[in-house]
Amino acid sequence: MAIPPYLRRQPDGVFLSVKVQPRASRNEIGGLHGNELKVAVTAPPVDSAANQAGVEFLAQALGLPRRSVTLVRGQTSRHKVFRLDGITAEAAAAKLAP
């Protein structure tokens, strides 16, 4: 299985590039947006609420504990990079396929 462009293997886990859409009607994984995975969250982009919602939603979608999903870049941007621990790039690709 080919690894999608939004996932990158790293020595300490997998990096996931995401474009977050805050204030959506529901939390969901959309399609590909350039080299990023589009993720909609219901939280507003205020006081890191959308970041928190993104972490929680991705952890749930991947079947990982919340501590295994870390926001590493894009705290104030819609373009974010998350580090995923405890999962392979192939397993993440299978679970995140829209």
PDB file of N, CA and C in Angstrom:
ATOM      1  N   MET A   1       0.836  -1.188   0.000  1.00  0.00           N
ATOM      2  CA  MET A   1       0.000   0.000   0.000  1.00  0.00           C
ATOM      3  C   MET A   1       0.880   1.250   0.000  1.00  0.00           C
ATOM      4  N   ALA A   2       0.608   2.131  -0.935  1.00  0.00           N
ATOM      5  CA  ALA A   2       1.375   3.372  -1.013  1.00  0.00           C
ATOM      6  C   ALA A   2       0.947   4.298   0.125  1.00  0.00           C
ATOM      7  N   ILE A   3       1.907   5.012   0.669  1.00  0.00           N
ATOM      8  CA  ILE A   3       1.607   5.934   1.764  1.00  0.00           C
ATOM      9  C   ILE A   3       1.150   7.259   1.157  1.00  0.00           C
ATOM     10  N   PRO A   4       0.001   7.781   1.593  1.00  0.00           N
ATOM     11  CA  PRO A   4      -0.503   9.046   1.040  1.00  0.00           C
ATOM     12  C   PRO A   4       0.427  10.210   1.369  1.00  0.00           C
ATOM     13  N   PRO A   5       0.340  11.294   0.597  1.00  0.00           N
ATOM     14  CA  PRO A   5       1.265  12.420   0.785  1.00  0.00           C
ATOM     15  C   PRO A   5       1.121  13.137   2.122  1.00  0.00           C
ATOM     16  N   TYR A   6      -0.001  12.953   2.824  1.00  0.00           N
ATOM     17  CA  TYR A   6      -0.184  13.641   4.113  1.00  0.00           C
ATOM     18  C   TYR A   6       0.481  12.908   5.274  1.00  0.00           C
ATOM     19  N   LEU A   7       1.061  11.737   5.034  1.00  0.00           N
ATOM     20  CA  LEU A   7       1.768  10.997   6.085  1.00  0.00           C
ATOM     21  C   LEU A   7       3.258  10.933   5.769  1.00  0.00           C
ATOM     22  N   ARG A   8       4.101  11.129   6.802  1.00  0.00           N
ATOM     23  CA  ARG A   8       5.545  11.008   6.646  1.00  0.00           C
ATOM     24  C   ARG A   8       6.098  10.175   7.788  1.00  0.00           C
ATOM     25  N   ARG A   9       6.867   9.161   7.425  1.00  0.00           N
ATOM     26  CA  ARG A   9       7.539   8.357   8.465  1.00  0.00           C
ATOM     27  C   ARG A   9       8.665   9.175   9.074  1.00  0.00           C
ATOM     28  N   GLN A  10       8.790   9.085  10.396  1.00  0.00           N
ATOM     29  CA  GLN A  10       9.879   9.732  11.124  1.00  0.00           C
ATOM     30  C   GLN A  10      10.448   8.699  12.080  1.00  0.00           C
ATOM     31  N   PRO A  11      11.695   8.884  12.525  1.00  0.00           N
ATOM     32  CA  PRO A  11      12.278   7.909  13.460  1.00  0.00           C
ATOM     33  C   PRO A  11      11.473   7.783  14.760  1.00  0.00           C
ATOM     34  N   ASP A  12      10.797   8.863  15.178  1.00  0.00           N
ATOM     35  CA  ASP A  12      10.075   8.824  16.450  1.00  0.00           C
ATOM     36  C   ASP A  12       8.558   8.750  16.272  1.00  0.00           C
ATOM     37  N   GLY A  13       8.093   8.310  15.110  1.00  0.00           N
ATOM     38  CA  GLY A  13       6.650   8.186  14.897  1.00  0.00           C
ATOM     39  C   GLY A  13       6.277   8.524  13.466  1.00  0.00           C
ATOM     40  N   VAL A  14       5.056   8.966  13.284  1.00  0.00           N
ATOM     41  CA  VAL A  14       4.535   9.328  11.966  1.00  0.00           C
ATOM     42  C   VAL A  14       4.050  10.769  12.039  1.00  0.00           C
ATOM     43  N   PHE A  15       4.363  11.576  11.027  1.00  0.00           N
ATOM     44  CA  PHE A  15       3.867  12.947  10.966  1.00  0.00           C
ATOM     45  C   PHE A  15       2.672  12.992  10.030  1.00  0.00           C
ATOM     46  N   LEU A  16       1.615  13.660  10.451  1.00  0.00           N
ATOM     47  CA  LEU A  16       0.381  13.785   9.696  1.00  0.00           C
ATOM     48  C   LEU A  16       0.135  15.262   9.405  1.00  0.00           C
ATOM     49  N   SER A  17       0.061  15.630   8.118  1.00  0.00           N
ATOM     50  CA  SER A  17      -0.222  17.008   7.714  1.00  0.00           C
ATOM     51  C   SER A  17      -1.729  17.159   7.508  1.00  0.00           C
ATOM     52  N   VAL A  18      -2.305  18.178   8.143  1.00  0.00           N
ATOM     53  CA  VAL A  18      -3.754  18.347   8.159  1.00  0.00           C
ATOM     54  C   VAL A  18      -4.126  19.787   7.862  1.00  0.00           C
ATOM     55  N   LYS A  19      -5.219  19.974   7.144  1.00  0.00           N
ATOM     56  CA  LYS A  19      -5.851  21.291   7.027  1.00  0.00           C
ATOM     57  C   LYS A  19      -7.133  21.210   7.841  1.00  0.00           C
ATOM     58  N   VAL A  20      -7.197  21.989   8.900  1.00  0.00           N
ATOM     59  CA  VAL A  20      -8.334  21.941   9.820  1.00  0.00           C
ATOM     60  C   VAL A  20      -9.386  22.965   9.410  1.00  0.00           C
ATOM     61  N   GLN A  21     -10.635  22.534   9.411  1.00  0.00           N
ATOM     62  CA  GLN A  21     -11.762  23.435   9.173  1.00  0.00           C
ATOM     63  C   GLN A  21     -12.543  23.543  10.476  1.00  0.00           C
ATOM     64  N   PRO A  22     -12.365  24.659  11.212  1.00  0.00           N
ATOM     65  CA  PRO A  22     -13.093  24.820  12.469  1.00  0.00           C
ATOM     66  C   PRO A  22     -14.553  25.199  12.222  1.00  0.00           C
ATOM     67  N   ARG A  23     -15.353  25.107  13.280  1.00  0.00           N
ATOM     68  CA  ARG A  23     -16.784  25.454  13.257  1.00  0.00           C
ATOM     69  C   ARG A  23     -17.566  24.681  12.200  1.00  0.00           C
ATOM     70  N   ALA A  24     -17.217  23.436  11.985  1.00  0.00           N
ATOM     71  CA  ALA A  24     -17.964  22.592  11.051  1.00  0.00           C
ATOM     72  C   ALA A  24     -19.227  22.081  11.739  1.00  0.00           C
ATOM     73  N   SER A  25     -20.136  21.523  10.963  1.00  0.00           N
ATOM     74  CA  SER A  25     -21.371  21.012  11.557  1.00  0.00           C
ATOM     75  C   SER A  25     -21.130  19.720  12.325  1.00  0.00           C
ATOM     76  N   ARG A  26     -20.054  18.986  11.956  1.00  0.00           N
ATOM     77  CA  ARG A  26     -19.700  17.774  12.697  1.00  0.00           C
ATOM     78  C   ARG A  26     -18.221  17.470  12.479  1.00  0.00           C
ATOM     79  N   ASN A  27     -17.648  16.670  13.375  1.00  0.00           N
ATOM     80  CA  ASN A  27     -16.265  16.242  13.238  1.00  0.00           C
ATOM     81  C   ASN A  27     -16.202  15.166  12.161  1.00  0.00           C
ATOM     82  N   GLU A  28     -15.356  15.381  11.156  1.00  0.00           N
ATOM     83  CA  GLU A  28     -15.225  14.370  10.110  1.00  0.00           C
ATOM     84  C   GLU A  28     -13.933  14.536   9.344  1.00  0.00           C
ATOM     85  N   ILE A  29     -13.531  13.438   8.698  1.00  0.00           N
ATOM     86  CA  ILE A  29     -12.361  13.446   7.836  1.00  0.00           C
ATOM     87  C   ILE A  29     -12.853  13.653   6.419  1.00  0.00           C
ATOM     88  N   GLY A  30     -12.318  14.679   5.774  1.00  0.00           N
ATOM     89  CA  GLY A  30     -12.686  14.972   4.393  1.00  0.00           C
ATOM     90  C   GLY A  30     -11.699  14.295   3.458  1.00  0.00           C
ATOM     91  N   GLY A  31     -11.563  14.829   2.296  1.00  0.00           N
ATOM     92  CA  GLY A  31     -10.654  14.256   1.317  1.00  0.00           C
ATOM     93  C   GLY A  31      -9.287  14.895   1.378  1.00  0.00           C
ATOM     94  N   LEU A  32      -8.556  14.693   0.326  1.00  0.00           N
ATOM     95  CA  LEU A  32      -7.224  15.257   0.191  1.00  0.00           C
ATOM     96  C   LEU A  32      -7.335  16.733  -0.174  1.00  0.00           C
ATOM     97  N   HIS A  33      -6.517  17.562   0.436  1.00  0.00           N
ATOM     98  CA  HIS A  33      -6.471  18.993   0.122  1.00  0.00           C
ATOM     99  C   HIS A  33      -5.011  19.321  -0.161  1.00  0.00           C
ATOM    100  N   GLY A  34      -4.592  19.215  -1.415  1.00  0.00           N
ATOM    101  CA  GLY A  34      -3.181  19.339  -1.752  1.00  0.00           C
ATOM    102  C   GLY A  34      -2.448  18.138  -1.193  1.00  0.00           C
ATOM    103  N   ASN A  35      -1.438  18.382  -0.372  1.00  0.00           N
ATOM    104  CA  ASN A  35      -0.705  17.296   0.293  1.00  0.00           C
ATOM    105  C   ASN A  35      -1.137  17.137   1.740  1.00  0.00           C
ATOM    106  N   GLU A  36      -2.319  17.608   2.067  1.00  0.00           N
ATOM    107  CA  GLU A  36      -2.827  17.536   3.439  1.00  0.00           C
ATOM    108  C   GLU A  36      -4.155  16.799   3.459  1.00  0.00           C
ATOM    109  N   LEU A  37      -4.473  16.247   4.619  1.00  0.00           N
ATOM    110  CA  LEU A  37      -5.765  15.622   4.844  1.00  0.00           C
ATOM    111  C   LEU A  37      -6.684  16.684   5.442  1.00  0.00           C
ATOM    112  N   LYS A  38      -7.876  16.832   4.885  1.00  0.00           N
ATOM    113  CA  LYS A  38      -8.813  17.823   5.411  1.00  0.00           C
ATOM    114  C   LYS A  38      -9.594  17.200   6.566  1.00  0.00           C
ATOM    115  N   VAL A  39      -9.587  17.897   7.700  1.00  0.00           N
ATOM    116  CA  VAL A  39     -10.293  17.439   8.898  1.00  0.00           C
ATOM    117  C   VAL A  39     -11.186  18.571   9.388  1.00  0.00           C
ATOM    118  N   ALA A  40     -12.466  18.276   9.523  1.00  0.00           N
ATOM    119  CA  ALA A  40     -13.423  19.269  10.021  1.00  0.00           C
ATOM    120  C   ALA A  40     -13.689  18.996  11.501  1.00  0.00           C
ATOM    121  N   VAL A  41     -13.687  20.059  12.296  1.00  0.00           N
ATOM    122  CA  VAL A  41     -14.000  19.938  13.722  1.00  0.00           C
ATOM    123  C   VAL A  41     -15.068  20.977  14.082  1.00  0.00           C
ATOM    124  N   THR A  42     -15.891  20.655  15.054  1.00  0.00           N
ATOM    125  CA  THR A  42     -16.988  21.546  15.441  1.00  0.00           C
ATOM    126  C   THR A  42     -16.521  22.716  16.303  1.00  0.00           C
ATOM    127  N   ALA A  43     -15.363  22.599  16.906  1.00  0.00           N
ATOM    128  CA  ALA A  43     -14.869  23.633  17.822  1.00  0.00           C
ATOM    129  C   ALA A  43     -14.497  24.908  17.063  1.00  0.00           C
ATOM    130  N   PRO A  44     -14.665  26.067  17.707  1.00  0.00           N
ATOM    131  CA  PRO A  44     -14.249  27.329  17.086  1.00  0.00           C
ATOM    132  C   PRO A  44     -12.737  27.517  17.204  1.00  0.00           C
ATOM    133  N   PRO A  45     -12.156  28.351  16.339  1.00  0.00           N
ATOM    134  CA  PRO A  45     -10.705  28.570  16.398  1.00  0.00           C
ATOM    135  C   PRO A  45     -10.316  29.597  17.462  1.00  0.00           C
ATOM    136  N   VAL A  46     -10.789  29.391  18.690  1.00  0.00           N
ATOM    137  CA  VAL A  46     -10.552  30.340  19.777  1.00  0.00           C
ATOM    138  C   VAL A  46      -9.899  29.600  20.940  1.00  0.00           C
ATOM    139  N   ASP A  47      -8.882  30.212  21.538  1.00  0.00           N
ATOM    140  CA  ASP A  47      -8.223  29.656  22.726  1.00  0.00           C
ATOM    141  C   ASP A  47      -7.797  28.204  22.534  1.00  0.00           C
ATOM    142  N   SER A  48      -7.285  27.850  21.373  1.00  0.00           N
ATOM    143  CA  SER A  48      -6.797  26.505  21.057  1.00  0.00           C
ATOM    144  C   SER A  48      -7.882  25.432  21.095  1.00  0.00           C
ATOM    145  N   ALA A  49      -9.150  25.831  21.058  1.00  0.00           N
ATOM    146  CA  ALA A  49     -10.236  24.843  21.104  1.00  0.00           C
ATOM    147  C   ALA A  49     -10.205  23.943  19.881  1.00  0.00           C
ATOM    148  N   ALA A  50      -9.936  24.504  18.706  1.00  0.00           N
ATOM    149  CA  ALA A  50      -9.890  23.693  17.486  1.00  0.00           C
ATOM    150  C   ALA A  50      -8.681  22.753  17.514  1.00  0.00           C
ATOM    151  N   ASN A  51      -7.565  23.202  18.068  1.00  0.00           N
ATOM    152  CA  ASN A  51      -6.391  22.327  18.195  1.00  0.00           C
ATOM    153  C   ASN A  51      -6.715  21.136  19.092  1.00  0.00           C
ATOM    154  N   GLN A  52      -7.333  21.415  20.237  1.00  0.00           N
ATOM    155  CA  GLN A  52      -7.712  20.369  21.190  1.00  0.00           C
ATOM    156  C   GLN A  52      -8.679  19.389  20.539  1.00  0.00           C
ATOM    157  N   ALA A  53      -9.676  19.928  19.837  1.00  0.00           N
ATOM    158  CA  ALA A  53     -10.671  19.078  19.175  1.00  0.00           C
ATOM    159  C   ALA A  53     -10.009  18.221  18.097  1.00  0.00           C
ATOM    160  N   GLY A  54      -9.047  18.807  17.385  1.00  0.00           N
ATOM    161  CA  GLY A  54      -8.333  18.051  16.355  1.00  0.00           C
ATOM    162  C   GLY A  54      -7.555  16.884  16.941  1.00  0.00           C
ATOM    163  N   VAL A  55      -6.867  17.126  18.042  1.00  0.00           N
ATOM    164  CA  VAL A  55      -6.107  16.067  18.712  1.00  0.00           C
ATOM    165  C   VAL A  55      -7.041  14.951  19.161  1.00  0.00           C
ATOM    166  N   GLU A  56      -8.131  15.329  19.817  1.00  0.00           N
ATOM    167  CA  GLU A  56      -9.072  14.330  20.334  1.00  0.00           C
ATOM    168  C   GLU A  56      -9.737  13.543  19.211  1.00  0.00           C
ATOM    169  N   PHE A  57     -10.132  14.239  18.141  1.00  0.00           N
ATOM    170  CA  PHE A  57     -10.800  13.561  17.028  1.00  0.00           C
ATOM    171  C   PHE A  57      -9.845  12.607  16.311  1.00  0.00           C
ATOM    172  N   LEU A  58      -8.611  13.036  16.079  1.00  0.00           N
ATOM    173  CA  LEU A  58      -7.641  12.162  15.405  1.00  0.00           C
ATOM    174  C   LEU A  58      -7.309  10.950  16.267  1.00  0.00           C
ATOM    175  N   ALA A  59      -7.162  11.153  17.574  1.00  0.00           N
ATOM    176  CA  ALA A  59      -6.883  10.024  18.470  1.00  0.00           C
ATOM    177  C   ALA A  59      -8.016   9.008  18.403  1.00  0.00           C
ATOM    178  N   GLN A  60      -9.243   9.488  18.414  1.00  0.00           N
ATOM    179  CA  GLN A  60     -10.404   8.603  18.341  1.00  0.00           C
ATOM    180  C   GLN A  60     -10.443   7.884  16.988  1.00  0.00           C
ATOM    181  N   ALA A  61     -10.234   8.620  15.902  1.00  0.00           N
ATOM    182  CA  ALA A  61     -10.304   8.030  14.562  1.00  0.00           C
ATOM    183  C   ALA A  61      -9.221   6.971  14.351  1.00  0.00           C
ATOM    184  N   LEU A  62      -8.071   7.166  14.983  1.00  0.00           N
ATOM    185  CA  LEU A  62      -6.948   6.235  14.816  1.00  0.00           C
ATOM    186  C   LEU A  62      -6.929   5.140  15.875  1.00  0.00           C
ATOM    187  N   GLY A  63      -7.805   5.236  16.868  1.00  0.00           N
ATOM    188  CA  GLY A  63      -7.814   4.246  17.939  1.00  0.00           C
ATOM    189  C   GLY A  63      -6.590   4.346  18.829  1.00  0.00           C
ATOM    190  N   LEU A  64      -6.113   5.568  19.034  1.00  0.00           N
ATOM    191  CA  LEU A  64      -4.922   5.807  19.866  1.00  0.00           C
ATOM    192  C   LEU A  64      -5.322   6.538  21.137  1.00  0.00           C
ATOM    193  N   PRO A  65      -4.521   6.381  22.195  1.00  0.00           N
ATOM    194  CA  PRO A  65      -4.769   7.227  23.375  1.00  0.00           C
ATOM    195  C   PRO A  65      -4.452   8.684  23.026  1.00  0.00           C
ATOM    196  N   ARG A  66      -5.106   9.613  23.686  1.00  0.00           N
ATOM    197  CA  ARG A  66      -4.934  11.030  23.386  1.00  0.00           C
ATOM    198  C   ARG A  66      -3.478  11.480  23.476  1.00  0.00           C
ATOM    199  N   ARG A  67      -2.727  10.899  24.398  1.00  0.00           N
ATOM    200  CA  ARG A  67      -1.324  11.309  24.579  1.00  0.00           C
ATOM    201  C   ARG A  67      -0.440  10.904  23.404  1.00  0.00           C
ATOM    202  N   SER A  68      -0.937  10.029  22.523  1.00  0.00           N
ATOM    203  CA  SER A  68      -0.148   9.581  21.371  1.00  0.00           C
ATOM    204  C   SER A  68      -0.285  10.497  20.167  1.00  0.00           C
ATOM    205  N   VAL A  69      -1.148  11.516  20.258  1.00  0.00           N
ATOM    206  CA  VAL A  69      -1.323  12.480  19.168  1.00  0.00           C
ATOM    207  C   VAL A  69      -0.882  13.845  19.683  1.00  0.00           C
ATOM    208  N   THR A  70       0.148  14.420  19.052  1.00  0.00           N
ATOM    209  CA  THR A  70       0.726  15.674  19.505  1.00  0.00           C
ATOM    210  C   THR A  70       0.755  16.679  18.371  1.00  0.00           C
ATOM    211  N   LEU A  71       0.305  17.889  18.626  1.00  0.00           N
ATOM    212  CA  LEU A  71       0.408  18.967  17.645  1.00  0.00           C
ATOM    213  C   LEU A  71       1.834  19.495  17.677  1.00  0.00           C
ATOM    214  N   VAL A  72       2.557  19.393  16.561  1.00  0.00           N
ATOM    215  CA  VAL A  72       3.952  19.836  16.553  1.00  0.00           C
ATOM    216  C   VAL A  72       4.162  21.128  15.768  1.00  0.00           C
ATOM    217  N   ARG A  73       3.235  21.465  14.878  1.00  0.00           N
ATOM    218  CA  ARG A  73       3.392  22.709  14.115  1.00  0.00           C
ATOM    219  C   ARG A  73       2.012  23.213  13.693  1.00  0.00           C
ATOM    220  N   GLY A  74       1.842  24.544  13.694  1.00  0.00           N
ATOM    221  CA  GLY A  74       0.610  25.139  13.216  1.00  0.00           C
ATOM    222  C   GLY A  74      -0.389  25.500  14.296  1.00  0.00           C
ATOM    223  N   GLN A  75       0.100  25.895  15.475  1.00  0.00           N
ATOM    224  CA  GLN A  75      -0.797  26.206  16.591  1.00  0.00           C
ATOM    225  C   GLN A  75      -1.822  27.285  16.228  1.00  0.00           C
ATOM    226  N   THR A  76      -1.431  28.268  15.410  1.00  0.00           N
ATOM    227  CA  THR A  76      -2.348  29.360  15.077  1.00  0.00           C
ATOM    228  C   THR A  76      -2.743  29.360  13.600  1.00  0.00           C
ATOM    229  N   SER A  77      -2.474  28.280  12.917  1.00  0.00           N
ATOM    230  CA  SER A  77      -2.780  28.177  11.488  1.00  0.00           C
ATOM    231  C   SER A  77      -3.786  27.062  11.250  1.00  0.00           C
ATOM    232  N   ARG A  78      -4.431  27.090  10.102  1.00  0.00           N
ATOM    233  CA  ARG A  78      -5.302  25.970   9.733  1.00  0.00           C
ATOM    234  C   ARG A  78      -4.481  24.796   9.211  1.00  0.00           C
ATOM    235  N   HIS A  79      -3.248  25.070   8.810  1.00  0.00           N
ATOM    236  CA  HIS A  79      -2.347  24.017   8.319  1.00  0.00           C
ATOM    237  C   HIS A  79      -1.521  23.519   9.499  1.00  0.00           C
ATOM    238  N   LYS A  80      -1.729  22.268   9.871  1.00  0.00           N
ATOM    239  CA  LYS A  80      -1.121  21.733  11.086  1.00  0.00           C
ATOM    240  C   LYS A  80      -0.373  20.436  10.792  1.00  0.00           C
ATOM    241  N   VAL A  81       0.585  20.129  11.651  1.00  0.00           N
ATOM    242  CA  VAL A  81       1.297  18.860  11.592  1.00  0.00           C
ATOM    243  C   VAL A  81       1.185  18.211  12.967  1.00  0.00           C
ATOM    244  N   PHE A  82       0.694  16.973  12.965  1.00  0.00           N
ATOM    245  CA  PHE A  82       0.553  16.197  14.195  1.00  0.00           C
ATOM    246  C   PHE A  82       1.550  15.049  14.175  1.00  0.00           C
ATOM    247  N   ARG A  83       2.101  14.720  15.328  1.00  0.00           N
ATOM    248  CA  ARG A  83       2.942  13.522  15.456  1.00  0.00           C
ATOM    249  C   ARG A  83       2.091  12.420  16.057  1.00  0.00           C
ATOM    250  N   LEU A  84       2.132  11.252  15.428  1.00  0.00           N
ATOM    251  CA  LEU A  84       1.372  10.093  15.888  1.00  0.00           C
ATOM    252  C   LEU A  84       2.344   9.059  16.420  1.00  0.00           C
ATOM    253  N   ASP A  85       2.192   8.668  17.657  1.00  0.00           N
ATOM    254  CA  ASP A  85       3.042   7.646  18.267  1.00  0.00           C
ATOM    255  C   ASP A  85       2.257   6.350  18.412  1.00  0.00           C
ATOM    256  N   GLY A  86       2.936   5.230  18.252  1.00  0.00           N
ATOM    257  CA  GLY A  86       2.298   3.937  18.488  1.00  0.00           C
ATOM    258  C   GLY A  86       1.489   3.419  17.313  1.00  0.00           C
ATOM    259  N   ILE A  87       1.747   3.927  16.113  1.00  0.00           N
ATOM    260  CA  ILE A  87       1.034   3.462  14.922  1.00  0.00           C
ATOM    261  C   ILE A  87       1.979   3.577  13.725  1.00  0.00           C
ATOM    262  N   THR A  88       1.857   2.655  12.790  1.00  0.00           N
ATOM    263  CA  THR A  88       2.681   2.723  11.580  1.00  0.00           C
ATOM    264  C   THR A  88       1.992   3.619  10.553  1.00  0.00           C
ATOM    265  N   ALA A  89       2.764   4.084   9.594  1.00  0.00           N
ATOM    266  CA  ALA A  89       2.200   4.919   8.531  1.00  0.00           C
ATOM    267  C   ALA A  89       1.142   4.147   7.747  1.00  0.00           C
ATOM    268  N   GLU A  90       1.374   2.857   7.534  1.00  0.00           N
ATOM    269  CA  GLU A  90       0.411   2.041   6.778  1.00  0.00           C
ATOM    270  C   GLU A  90      -0.907   1.897   7.537  1.00  0.00           C
ATOM    271  N   ALA A  91      -0.825   1.643   8.848  1.00  0.00           N
ATOM    272  CA  ALA A  91      -2.042   1.514   9.652  1.00  0.00           C
ATOM    273  C   ALA A  91      -2.789   2.843   9.726  1.00  0.00           C
ATOM    274  N   ALA A  92      -2.057   3.947   9.855  1.00  0.00           N
ATOM    275  CA  ALA A  92      -2.702   5.269   9.886  1.00  0.00           C
ATOM    276  C   ALA A  92      -3.396   5.559   8.557  1.00  0.00           C
ATOM    277  N   ALA A  93      -2.743   5.210   7.447  1.00  0.00           N
ATOM    278  CA  ALA A  93      -3.337   5.440   6.124  1.00  0.00           C
ATOM    279  C   ALA A  93      -4.634   4.663   5.971  1.00  0.00           C
ATOM    280  N   ALA A  94      -4.662   3.437   6.446  1.00  0.00           N
ATOM    281  CA  ALA A  94      -5.858   2.608   6.335  1.00  0.00           C
ATOM    282  C   ALA A  94      -7.008   3.176   7.165  1.00  0.00           C
ATOM    283  N   LYS A  95      -6.702   3.690   8.365  1.00  0.00           N
ATOM    284  CA  LYS A  95      -7.760   4.213   9.235  1.00  0.00           C
ATOM    285  C   LYS A  95      -8.237   5.596   8.826  1.00  0.00           C
ATOM    286  N   LEU A  96      -7.372   6.366   8.164  1.00  0.00           N
ATOM    287  CA  LEU A  96      -7.736   7.748   7.802  1.00  0.00           C
ATOM    288  C   LEU A  96      -8.277   7.873   6.380  1.00  0.00           C
ATOM    289  N   ALA A  97      -8.310   6.778   5.640  1.00  0.00           N
ATOM    290  CA  ALA A  97      -8.793   6.853   4.254  1.00  0.00           C
ATOM    291  C   ALA A  97     -10.220   7.402   4.243  1.00  0.00           C
ATOM    292  N   PRO A  98     -10.441   8.513   3.507  1.00  0.00           N
ATOM    293  CA  PRO A  98     -11.770   9.126   3.506  1.00  0.00           C
ATOM    294  C   PRO A  98     -12.798   8.277   2.761  1.00  0.00           C
TER     295      PRO A  98
END
